[in-house]
Amino acid sequence: MGDGIPLRAVTQWGIVADDEPYLAEEIVHMGARGAIQPWRRAVDFLPVRPVPIHELADRLELTRDRNWGYSLRFGLVPLTPADFMLMKEAMTG
């Protein structure tokens, strides 16, 4: 981030550890866009290795659409059970 090199990998694996999102205490300054107070979830992250997405792309349902990366710009995207297991195996195996 900030160095101009795109990160194209699955990098984190976690389990949502709360029941509801909460409003964060910190204020994030977005430059000319002003400041926001983001919503957060408590997550218990698990130890995994980052996996470049190109290693999985030909087997993921997520990447079947030609413009699949566009959906990632909006935050969370649902995964099919098959994609979930494929990513988990790649990151923990």
Protein backbone atom coordinates (compact mmCIF):
# COMPACT_ATOMS: atom_id res chain seq x y z
CA MET A 1 0.00 0.00 0.00
CA GLY A 2 1.42 3.30 -1.05
CA ASP A 3 4.40 1.86 -2.95
CA GLY A 4 2.51 1.38 -6.22
CA ILE A 5 2.90 -2.40 -6.23
CA PRO A 6 -0.50 -4.14 -6.31
CA LEU A 7 -1.14 -6.81 -3.70
CA ARG A 8 -2.91 -9.68 -5.41
CA ALA A 9 -3.08 -12.31 -2.73
CA VAL A 10 -5.35 -13.83 -0.14
CA THR A 11 -3.57 -12.68 3.02
CA GLN A 12 -5.78 -13.17 6.10
CA TRP A 13 -8.03 -15.81 7.59
CA GLY A 14 -10.23 -15.12 10.55
CA ILE A 15 -13.35 -15.95 12.48
CA VAL A 16 -15.80 -13.19 13.37
CA ALA A 17 -15.73 -13.08 17.16
CA ASP A 18 -18.63 -10.75 17.94
CA ASP A 19 -22.35 -10.55 17.31
CA GLU A 20 -22.69 -7.04 15.88
CA PRO A 21 -20.51 -4.43 14.15
CA TYR A 22 -19.41 -1.54 16.35
CA LEU A 23 -18.49 2.06 15.61
CA ALA A 24 -14.73 2.43 15.98
CA GLU A 25 -13.32 5.07 18.30
CA GLU A 26 -10.68 6.24 15.82
CA ILE A 27 -11.31 8.76 13.09
CA VAL A 28 -9.77 7.96 9.69
CA HIS A 29 -8.73 10.97 7.62
CA MET A 30 -9.41 10.46 3.91
CA GLY A 31 -7.58 13.53 2.57
CA ALA A 32 -9.81 15.70 0.40
CA ARG A 33 -12.72 13.34 1.09
CA GLY A 34 -12.81 14.36 4.75
CA ALA A 35 -12.85 12.08 7.78
CA ILE A 36 -14.86 8.98 8.59
CA GLN A 37 -15.55 6.94 11.67
CA PRO A 38 -15.55 3.33 10.41
CA TRP A 39 -17.58 0.38 11.58
CA ARG A 40 -15.59 -2.65 12.74
CA ARG A 41 -16.01 -6.31 13.63
CA ALA A 42 -13.94 -8.23 16.16
CA VAL A 43 -12.02 -10.96 14.32
CA ASP A 44 -9.79 -13.74 15.64
CA PHE A 45 -7.14 -14.09 12.94
CA LEU A 46 -5.53 -17.46 12.35
CA PRO A 47 -1.92 -18.10 11.35
CA VAL A 48 -1.79 -18.58 7.56
CA ARG A 49 0.55 -18.00 4.66
CA PRO A 50 -0.42 -15.45 1.98
CA VAL A 51 -1.36 -17.11 -1.32
CA PRO A 52 -1.10 -15.22 -4.64
CA ILE A 53 -4.54 -15.19 -6.23
CA HIS A 54 -3.13 -16.33 -9.60
CA GLU A 55 -2.29 -19.69 -7.98
CA LEU A 56 -6.01 -20.26 -7.34
CA ALA A 57 -7.80 -18.23 -10.02
CA ASP A 58 -8.37 -21.07 -12.47
CA ARG A 59 -10.14 -23.11 -9.76
CA LEU A 60 -12.20 -20.45 -7.96
CA GLU A 61 -15.84 -19.69 -8.69
CA LEU A 62 -15.12 -16.13 -7.52
CA THR A 63 -12.80 -15.49 -10.48
CA ARG A 64 -14.96 -16.99 -13.25
CA ASP A 65 -16.31 -13.60 -14.31
CA ARG A 66 -13.85 -11.65 -16.46
CA ASN A 67 -14.20 -8.54 -14.24
CA TRP A 68 -14.24 -10.40 -10.92
CA GLY A 69 -11.81 -8.01 -9.22
CA TYR A 70 -14.24 -5.12 -9.46
CA SER A 71 -16.47 -6.65 -6.78
CA LEU A 72 -13.58 -6.57 -4.30
CA ARG A 73 -13.53 -2.77 -4.38
CA PHE A 74 -16.68 -2.70 -2.26
CA GLY A 75 -15.32 -4.69 0.68
CA LEU A 76 -16.63 -8.08 1.67
CA VAL A 77 -17.75 -10.55 -0.98
CA PRO A 78 -19.52 -13.85 -0.33
CA LEU A 79 -17.62 -17.03 -1.09
CA THR A 80 -19.10 -20.34 -2.15
CA PRO A 81 -18.34 -23.25 0.19
CA ALA A 82 -16.03 -24.70 -2.49
CA ASP A 83 -14.02 -21.45 -2.77
CA PHE A 84 -13.89 -21.19 1.02
CA MET A 85 -12.36 -24.64 1.36
CA LEU A 86 -9.94 -24.14 -1.55
CA MET A 87 -8.60 -20.90 -0.05
CA LYS A 88 -8.40 -22.40 3.43
CA GLU A 89 -6.44 -25.42 2.20
CA ALA A 90 -4.06 -23.24 0.19
CA MET A 91 -3.38 -20.91 3.13
CA THR A 92 -3.03 -23.54 5.85
CA GLY A 93 -1.61 -26.51 3.96
